[in-house]
PDB file of N, CA and C in Angstrom:
ATOM      1  N   UNK A   1     109.739 120.338  96.890  1.00  0.00           N
ATOM      2  CA  UNK A   1     108.655 119.551  97.419  1.00  0.00           C
ATOM      3  C   UNK A   1     107.511 119.562  96.411  1.00  0.00           C
ATOM      4  N   UNK A   2     106.914 118.425  96.193  1.00  0.00           N
ATOM      5  CA  UNK A   2     105.792 118.294  95.270  1.00  0.00           C
ATOM      6  C   UNK A   2     104.533 118.908  95.868  1.00  0.00           C
ATOM      7  N   UNK A   3     103.537 119.069  95.020  1.00  0.00           N
ATOM      8  CA  UNK A   3     102.236 119.551  95.475  1.00  0.00           C
ATOM      9  C   UNK A   3     101.159 118.635  94.919  1.00  0.00           C
ATOM     10  N   UNK A   4     100.278 118.199  95.798  1.00  0.00           N
ATOM     11  CA  UNK A   4      99.137 117.394  95.394  1.00  0.00           C
ATOM     12  C   UNK A   4      97.887 118.203  95.694  1.00  0.00           C
ATOM     13  N   UNK A   5      96.979 118.239  94.741  1.00  0.00           N
ATOM     14  CA  UNK A   5      95.745 119.021  94.876  1.00  0.00           C
ATOM     15  C   UNK A   5      94.581 118.127  94.499  1.00  0.00           C
ATOM     16  N   UNK A   6      93.510 118.184  95.266  1.00  0.00           N
ATOM     17  CA  UNK A   6      92.368 117.340  94.941  1.00  0.00           C
ATOM     18  C   UNK A   6      91.051 117.885  95.439  1.00  0.00           C
ATOM     19  N   UNK A   7      90.007 117.585  94.700  1.00  0.00           N
ATOM     20  CA  UNK A   7      88.639 117.918  95.071  1.00  0.00           C
ATOM     21  C   UNK A   7      87.788 116.682  94.807  1.00  0.00           C
ATOM     22  N   UNK A   8      86.973 116.320  95.783  1.00  0.00           N
ATOM     23  CA  UNK A   8      85.992 115.256  95.598  1.00  0.00           C
ATOM     24  C   UNK A   8      84.632 115.888  95.818  1.00  0.00           C
ATOM     25  N   UNK A   9      83.760 115.774  94.848  1.00  0.00           N
ATOM     26  CA  UNK A   9      82.448 116.406  94.905  1.00  0.00           C
ATOM     27  C   UNK A   9      82.301 117.434  93.799  1.00  0.00           C
ATOM     28  N   UNK A  10      81.253 118.222  93.883  1.00  0.00           N
ATOM     29  CA  UNK A  10      81.001 119.230  92.856  1.00  0.00           C
ATOM     30  C   UNK A  10      82.071 120.319  92.917  1.00  0.00           C
ATOM     31  N   UNK A  11      82.497 120.788  91.758  1.00  0.00           N
ATOM     32  CA  UNK A  11      83.501 121.842  91.706  1.00  0.00           C
ATOM     33  C   UNK A  11      83.355 122.641  90.425  1.00  0.00           C
ATOM     34  N   UNK A  12      83.915 123.825  90.425  1.00  0.00           N
ATOM     35  CA  UNK A  12      83.981 124.678  89.248  1.00  0.00           C
ATOM     36  C   UNK A  12      85.323 124.415  88.571  1.00  0.00           C
ATOM     37  N   UNK A  13      85.287 123.951  87.331  1.00  0.00           N
ATOM     38  CA  UNK A  13      86.511 123.540  86.632  1.00  0.00           C
ATOM     39  C   UNK A  13      87.521 124.684  86.530  1.00  0.00           C
ATOM     40  N   UNK A  14      87.068 125.881  86.164  1.00  0.00           N
ATOM     41  CA  UNK A  14      87.995 127.005  86.013  1.00  0.00           C
ATOM     42  C   UNK A  14      88.664 127.362  87.340  1.00  0.00           C
ATOM     43  N   UNK A  15      87.888 127.353  88.426  1.00  0.00           N
ATOM     44  CA  UNK A  15      88.461 127.644  89.742  1.00  0.00           C
ATOM     45  C   UNK A  15      89.429 126.543  90.181  1.00  0.00           C
ATOM     46  N   UNK A  16      89.095 125.310  89.890  1.00  0.00           N
ATOM     47  CA  UNK A  16      89.977 124.200  90.257  1.00  0.00           C
ATOM     48  C   UNK A  16      91.316 124.320  89.542  1.00  0.00           C
ATOM     49  N   UNK A  17      91.286 124.599  88.246  1.00  0.00           N
ATOM     50  CA  UNK A  17      92.530 124.747  87.482  1.00  0.00           C
ATOM     51  C   UNK A  17      93.322 125.952  87.982  1.00  0.00           C
ATOM     52  N   UNK A  18      92.636 127.058  88.273  1.00  0.00           N
ATOM     53  CA  UNK A  18      93.310 128.256  88.783  1.00  0.00           C
ATOM     54  C   UNK A  18      93.993 127.971  90.124  1.00  0.00           C
ATOM     55  N   UNK A  19      93.276 127.313  91.038  1.00  0.00           N
ATOM     56  CA  UNK A  19      93.858 126.993  92.346  1.00  0.00           C
ATOM     57  C   UNK A  19      94.990 125.979  92.228  1.00  0.00           C
ATOM     58  N   UNK A  20      94.834 124.996  91.355  1.00  0.00           N
ATOM     59  CA  UNK A  20      95.902 124.020  91.110  1.00  0.00           C
ATOM     60  C   UNK A  20      97.149 124.730  90.582  1.00  0.00           C
ATOM     61  N   UNK A  21      96.964 125.684  89.705  1.00  0.00           N
ATOM     62  CA  UNK A  21      98.091 126.420  89.116  1.00  0.00           C
ATOM     63  C   UNK A  21      98.850 127.232  90.158  1.00  0.00           C
ATOM     64  N   UNK A  22      98.161 127.680  91.201  1.00  0.00           N
ATOM     65  CA  UNK A  22      98.819 128.460  92.245  1.00  0.00           C
ATOM     66  C   UNK A  22      99.889 127.659  92.983  1.00  0.00           C
ATOM     67  N   UNK A  23      99.844 126.346  92.884  1.00  0.00           N
ATOM     68  CA  UNK A  23     100.817 125.480  93.554  1.00  0.00           C
ATOM     69  C   UNK A  23     101.985 125.079  92.647  1.00  0.00           C
ATOM     70  N   UNK A  24     102.036 125.611  91.442  1.00  0.00           N
ATOM     71  CA  UNK A  24     103.043 125.168  90.470  1.00  0.00           C
ATOM     72  C   UNK A  24     104.480 125.396  90.948  1.00  0.00           C
ATOM     73  N   UNK A  25     104.708 126.373  91.804  1.00  0.00           N
ATOM     74  CA  UNK A  25     106.063 126.629  92.312  1.00  0.00           C
ATOM     75  C   UNK A  25     106.579 125.485  93.185  1.00  0.00           C
ATOM     76  N   UNK A  26     105.691 124.598  93.629  1.00  0.00           N
ATOM     77  CA  UNK A  26     106.073 123.471  94.485  1.00  0.00           C
ATOM     78  C   UNK A  26     106.664 122.308  93.688  1.00  0.00           C
ATOM     79  N   UNK A  27     106.448 122.307  92.380  1.00  0.00           N
ATOM     80  CA  UNK A  27     106.971 121.238  91.546  1.00  0.00           C
ATOM     81  C   UNK A  27     107.106 121.715  90.122  1.00  0.00           C
ATOM     82  N   UNK A  28     108.293 122.127  89.775  1.00  0.00           N
ATOM     83  CA  UNK A  28     108.516 122.761  88.478  1.00  0.00           C
ATOM     84  C   UNK A  28     108.936 121.795  87.378  1.00  0.00           C
ATOM     85  N   UNK A  29     109.093 120.516  87.699  1.00  0.00           N
ATOM     86  CA  UNK A  29     109.591 119.563  86.707  1.00  0.00           C
ATOM     87  C   UNK A  29     108.496 118.951  85.844  1.00  0.00           C
ATOM     88  N   UNK A  30     107.313 118.824  86.383  1.00  0.00           N
ATOM     89  CA  UNK A  30     106.211 118.250  85.611  1.00  0.00           C
ATOM     90  C   UNK A  30     104.915 118.494  86.366  1.00  0.00           C
ATOM     91  N   UNK A  31     103.807 118.528  85.661  1.00  0.00           N
ATOM     92  CA  UNK A  31     102.514 118.623  86.324  1.00  0.00           C
ATOM     93  C   UNK A  31     101.438 118.034  85.423  1.00  0.00           C
ATOM     94  N   UNK A  32     100.401 117.541  86.086  1.00  0.00           N
ATOM     95  CA  UNK A  32      99.307 116.918  85.357  1.00  0.00           C
ATOM     96  C   UNK A  32      98.103 116.832  86.282  1.00  0.00           C
ATOM     97  N   UNK A  33      96.916 116.817  85.688  1.00  0.00           N
ATOM     98  CA  UNK A  33      95.715 116.606  86.493  1.00  0.00           C
ATOM     99  C   UNK A  33      94.742 115.731  85.719  1.00  0.00           C
ATOM    100  N   UNK A  34      93.802 115.164  86.463  1.00  0.00           N
ATOM    101  CA  UNK A  34      92.742 114.352  85.887  1.00  0.00           C
ATOM    102  C   UNK A  34      91.431 114.867  86.466  1.00  0.00           C
ATOM    103  N   UNK A  35      90.401 114.869  85.641  1.00  0.00           N
ATOM    104  CA  UNK A  35      89.117 115.368  86.110  1.00  0.00           C
ATOM    105  C   UNK A  35      87.981 114.479  85.622  1.00  0.00           C
ATOM    106  N   UNK A  36      86.979 114.355  86.468  1.00  0.00           N
ATOM    107  CA  UNK A  36      85.726 113.706  86.114  1.00  0.00           C
ATOM    108  C   UNK A  36      84.620 114.618  86.621  1.00  0.00           C
ATOM    109  N   UNK A  37      83.407 114.153  86.556  1.00  0.00           N
ATOM    110  CA  UNK A  37      82.282 114.985  86.976  1.00  0.00           C
ATOM    111  C   UNK A  37      82.405 115.429  88.428  1.00  0.00           C
ATOM    112  N   UNK A  38      82.817 114.544  89.318  1.00  0.00           N
ATOM    113  CA  UNK A  38      82.890 114.852  90.744  1.00  0.00           C
ATOM    114  C   UNK A  38      84.272 114.634  91.345  1.00  0.00           C
ATOM    115  N   UNK A  39      85.317 114.800  90.516  1.00  0.00           N
ATOM    116  CA  UNK A  39      86.665 114.545  91.007  1.00  0.00           C
ATOM    117  C   UNK A  39      87.670 115.377  90.226  1.00  0.00           C
ATOM    118  N   UNK A  40      88.599 115.991  90.923  1.00  0.00           N
ATOM    119  CA  UNK A  40      89.707 116.713  90.302  1.00  0.00           C
ATOM    120  C   UNK A  40      90.945 116.401  91.121  1.00  0.00           C
ATOM    121  N   UNK A  41      91.924 115.730  90.529  1.00  0.00           N
ATOM    122  CA  UNK A  41      93.188 115.400  91.188  1.00  0.00           C
ATOM    123  C   UNK A  41      94.330 115.880  90.312  1.00  0.00           C
ATOM    124  N   UNK A  42      95.331 116.482  90.946  1.00  0.00           N
ATOM    125  CA  UNK A  42      96.492 116.926  90.194  1.00  0.00           C
ATOM    126  C   UNK A  42      97.749 116.878  91.030  1.00  0.00           C
ATOM    127  N   UNK A  43      98.888 116.889  90.341  1.00  0.00           N
ATOM    128  CA  UNK A  43     100.190 116.878  91.007  1.00  0.00           C
ATOM    129  C   UNK A  43     101.162 117.770  90.238  1.00  0.00           C
ATOM    130  N   UNK A  44     101.929 118.548  90.991  1.00  0.00           N
ATOM    131  CA  UNK A  44     103.088 119.278  90.468  1.00  0.00           C
ATOM    132  C   UNK A  44     104.299 118.562  91.051  1.00  0.00           C
ATOM    133  N   UNK A  45     105.226 118.185  90.211  1.00  0.00           N
ATOM    134  CA  UNK A  45     106.336 117.336  90.644  1.00  0.00           C
ATOM    135  C   UNK A  45     107.654 118.084  90.657  1.00  0.00           C
ATOM    136  N   UNK A  46     108.353 117.949  91.777  1.00  0.00           N
ATOM    137  CA  UNK A  46     109.737 118.383  91.894  1.00  0.00           C
ATOM    138  C   UNK A  46     110.578 117.120  91.883  1.00  0.00           C
ATOM    139  N   UNK A  47     111.332 116.914  90.823  1.00  0.00           N
ATOM    140  CA  UNK A  47     112.085 115.669  90.649  1.00  0.00           C
ATOM    141  C   UNK A  47     113.362 115.675  91.484  1.00  0.00           C
ATOM    142  N   UNK A  48     113.659 114.522  92.072  1.00  0.00           N
ATOM    143  CA  UNK A  48     114.891 114.340  92.828  1.00  0.00           C
ATOM    144  C   UNK A  48     115.789 113.327  92.122  1.00  0.00           C
ATOM    145  N   UNK A  49     115.286 112.123  91.916  1.00  0.00           N
ATOM    146  CA  UNK A  49     116.055 111.042  91.300  1.00  0.00           C
ATOM    147  C   UNK A  49     115.885 110.995  89.782  1.00  0.00           C
ATOM    148  N   UNK A  50     114.684 111.028  89.307  1.00  0.00           N
ATOM    149  CA  UNK A  50     114.394 110.842  87.883  1.00  0.00           C
ATOM    150  C   UNK A  50     113.998 112.170  87.254  1.00  0.00           C
ATOM    151  N   UNK A  51     114.968 113.041  87.157  1.00  0.00           N
ATOM    152  CA  UNK A  51     114.717 114.404  86.707  1.00  0.00           C
ATOM    153  C   UNK A  51     114.208 114.456  85.268  1.00  0.00           C
ATOM    154  N   UNK A  52     114.713 113.610  84.385  1.00  0.00           N
ATOM    155  CA  UNK A  52     114.332 113.670  82.979  1.00  0.00           C
ATOM    156  C   UNK A  52     113.156 112.777  82.619  1.00  0.00           C
ATOM    157  N   UNK A  53     112.560 112.122  83.586  1.00  0.00           N
ATOM    158  CA  UNK A  53     111.459 111.212  83.305  1.00  0.00           C
ATOM    159  C   UNK A  53     110.120 111.891  83.519  1.00  0.00           C
ATOM    160  N   UNK A  54     109.168 111.534  82.684  1.00  0.00           N
ATOM    161  CA  UNK A  54     107.810 112.025  82.863  1.00  0.00           C
ATOM    162  C   UNK A  54     107.167 111.290  84.036  1.00  0.00           C
ATOM    163  N   UNK A  55     106.319 111.969  84.778  1.00  0.00           N
ATOM    164  CA  UNK A  55     105.726 111.345  85.961  1.00  0.00           C
ATOM    165  C   UNK A  55     104.576 110.414  85.622  1.00  0.00           C
ATOM    166  N   UNK A  56     103.917 110.660  84.504  1.00  0.00           N
ATOM    167  CA  UNK A  56     102.782 109.823  84.106  1.00  0.00           C
ATOM    168  C   UNK A  56     101.774 109.659  85.234  1.00  0.00           C
ATOM    169  N   UNK A  57     101.524 110.706  85.963  1.00  0.00           N
ATOM    170  CA  UNK A  57     100.547 110.694  87.044  1.00  0.00           C
ATOM    171  C   UNK A  57      99.438 111.672  86.719  1.00  0.00           C
ATOM    172  N   UNK A  58      98.318 111.510  87.299  1.00  0.00           N
ATOM    173  CA  UNK A  58      97.877 110.468  88.193  1.00  0.00           C
ATOM    174  C   UNK A  58      97.842 109.104  87.499  1.00  0.00           C
ATOM    175  N   UNK A  59      98.113 108.055  88.285  1.00  0.00           N
ATOM    176  CA  UNK A  59      98.036 106.693  87.780  1.00  0.00           C
ATOM    177  C   UNK A  59      96.562 106.280  87.777  1.00  0.00           C
ATOM    178  N   UNK A  60      96.114 105.678  86.695  1.00  0.00           N
ATOM    179  CA  UNK A  60      94.732 105.204  86.615  1.00  0.00           C
ATOM    180  C   UNK A  60      94.772 103.710  86.316  1.00  0.00           C
ATOM    181  N   UNK A  61      94.113 102.936  87.176  1.00  0.00           N
ATOM    182  CA  UNK A  61      94.042 101.489  87.018  1.00  0.00           C
ATOM    183  C   UNK A  61      92.603 101.077  87.288  1.00  0.00           C
ATOM    184  N   UNK A  62      91.857 100.860  86.220  1.00  0.00           N
ATOM    185  CA  UNK A  62      90.437 100.537  86.384  1.00  0.00           C
ATOM    186  C   UNK A  62      89.705 101.678  87.046  1.00  0.00           C
ATOM    187  N   UNK A  63      89.070 101.399  88.171  1.00  0.00           N
ATOM    188  CA  UNK A  63      88.326 102.443  88.879  1.00  0.00           C
ATOM    189  C   UNK A  63      89.182 103.179  89.910  1.00  0.00           C
ATOM    190  N   UNK A  64      90.474 102.859  89.993  1.00  0.00           N
ATOM    191  CA  UNK A  64      91.357 103.461  90.977  1.00  0.00           C
ATOM    192  C   UNK A  64      92.214 104.553  90.354  1.00  0.00           C
ATOM    193  N   UNK A  65      92.380 105.632  91.099  1.00  0.00           N
ATOM    194  CA  UNK A  65      93.254 106.734  90.706  1.00  0.00           C
ATOM    195  C   UNK A  65      94.228 106.958  91.853  1.00  0.00           C
ATOM    196  N   UNK A  66      95.530 106.998  91.542  1.00  0.00           N
ATOM    197  CA  UNK A  66      96.557 107.130  92.569  1.00  0.00           C
ATOM    198  C   UNK A  66      97.503 108.257  92.200  1.00  0.00           C
ATOM    199  N   UNK A  67      97.843 109.065  93.204  1.00  0.00           N
ATOM    200  CA  UNK A  67      98.903 110.062  93.082  1.00  0.00           C
ATOM    201  C   UNK A  67      99.938 109.726  94.144  1.00  0.00           C
ATOM    202  N   UNK A  68     101.204 109.698  93.750  1.00  0.00           N
ATOM    203  CA  UNK A  68     102.286 109.310  94.656  1.00  0.00           C
ATOM    204  C   UNK A  68     103.237 110.483  94.836  1.00  0.00           C
ATOM    205  N   UNK A  69     103.561 110.780  96.080  1.00  0.00           N
ATOM    206  CA  UNK A  69     104.545 111.802  96.392  1.00  0.00           C
ATOM    207  C   UNK A  69     105.596 111.158  97.296  1.00  0.00           C
ATOM    208  N   UNK A  70     106.760 110.928  96.756  1.00  0.00           N
ATOM    209  CA  UNK A  70     107.832 110.316  97.529  1.00  0.00           C
ATOM    210  C   UNK A  70     108.928 109.840  96.602  1.00  0.00           C
ATOM    211  N   UNK A  71     109.948 109.278  97.170  1.00  0.00           N
ATOM    212  CA  UNK A  71     111.069 108.752  96.400  1.00  0.00           C
ATOM    213  C   UNK A  71     111.306 107.295  96.759  1.00  0.00           C
ATOM    214  N   UNK A  72     111.513 106.481  95.765  1.00  0.00           N
ATOM    215  CA  UNK A  72     111.926 105.095  95.960  1.00  0.00           C
ATOM    216  C   UNK A  72     113.376 105.037  95.477  1.00  0.00           C
ATOM    217  N   UNK A  73     114.306 105.115  96.416  1.00  0.00           N
ATOM    218  CA  UNK A  73     115.716 105.240  96.061  1.00  0.00           C
ATOM    219  C   UNK A  73     116.327 103.950  95.528  1.00  0.00           C
ATOM    220  N   UNK A  74     115.774 102.805  95.877  1.00  0.00           N
ATOM    221  CA  UNK A  74     116.327 101.547  95.382  1.00  0.00           C
ATOM    222  C   UNK A  74     115.481 100.986  94.236  1.00  0.00           C
ATOM    223  N   UNK A  75     114.896 101.874  93.437  1.00  0.00           N
ATOM    224  CA  UNK A  75     114.023 101.440  92.347  1.00  0.00           C
ATOM    225  C   UNK A  75     114.757 100.591  91.312  1.00  0.00           C
ATOM    226  N   UNK A  76     116.055 100.807  91.119  1.00  0.00           N
ATOM    227  CA  UNK A  76     116.802 100.003  90.141  1.00  0.00           C
ATOM    228  C   UNK A  76     116.915  98.559  90.615  1.00  0.00           C
ATOM    229  N   UNK A  77     117.200  98.365  91.878  1.00  0.00           N
ATOM    230  CA  UNK A  77     117.288  97.010  92.428  1.00  0.00           C
ATOM    231  C   UNK A  77     115.929  96.317  92.399  1.00  0.00           C
ATOM    232  N   UNK A  78     114.878  97.053  92.748  1.00  0.00           N
ATOM    233  CA  UNK A  78     113.529  96.485  92.731  1.00  0.00           C
ATOM    234  C   UNK A  78     113.130  96.070  91.315  1.00  0.00           C
ATOM    235  N   UNK A  79     113.497  96.880  90.344  1.00  0.00           N
ATOM    236  CA  UNK A  79     113.166  96.557  88.934  1.00  0.00           C
ATOM    237  C   UNK A  79     113.841  95.276  88.478  1.00  0.00           C
ATOM    238  N   UNK A  80     115.028  94.978  88.977  1.00  0.00           N
ATOM    239  CA  UNK A  80     115.732  93.763  88.602  1.00  0.00           C
ATOM    240  C   UNK A  80     115.042  92.520  89.145  1.00  0.00           C
ATOM    241  N   UNK A  81     114.343  92.672  90.269  1.00  0.00           N
ATOM    242  CA  UNK A  81     113.642  91.537  90.860  1.00  0.00           C
ATOM    243  C   UNK A  81     112.379  91.255  90.089  1.00  0.00           C
TER     244      UNK A  81
END
């Protein structure tokens, strides 16, 4: 099972990274976080379908930041469309 960790508002960077690291056992395949002045989001990923692929998360699109936890099993068919 993956782990998603987030803080919105003021935070201590060292404590945030330490607490995020405590969840690493929930997703041993990849992990990443993004931080700004008032935001810390991270994900530890346990891969099911795409074990050898990088998660490239959190996704950043303009002013939006997205973290996804789930599986899209018909992703190959969707990609063909």
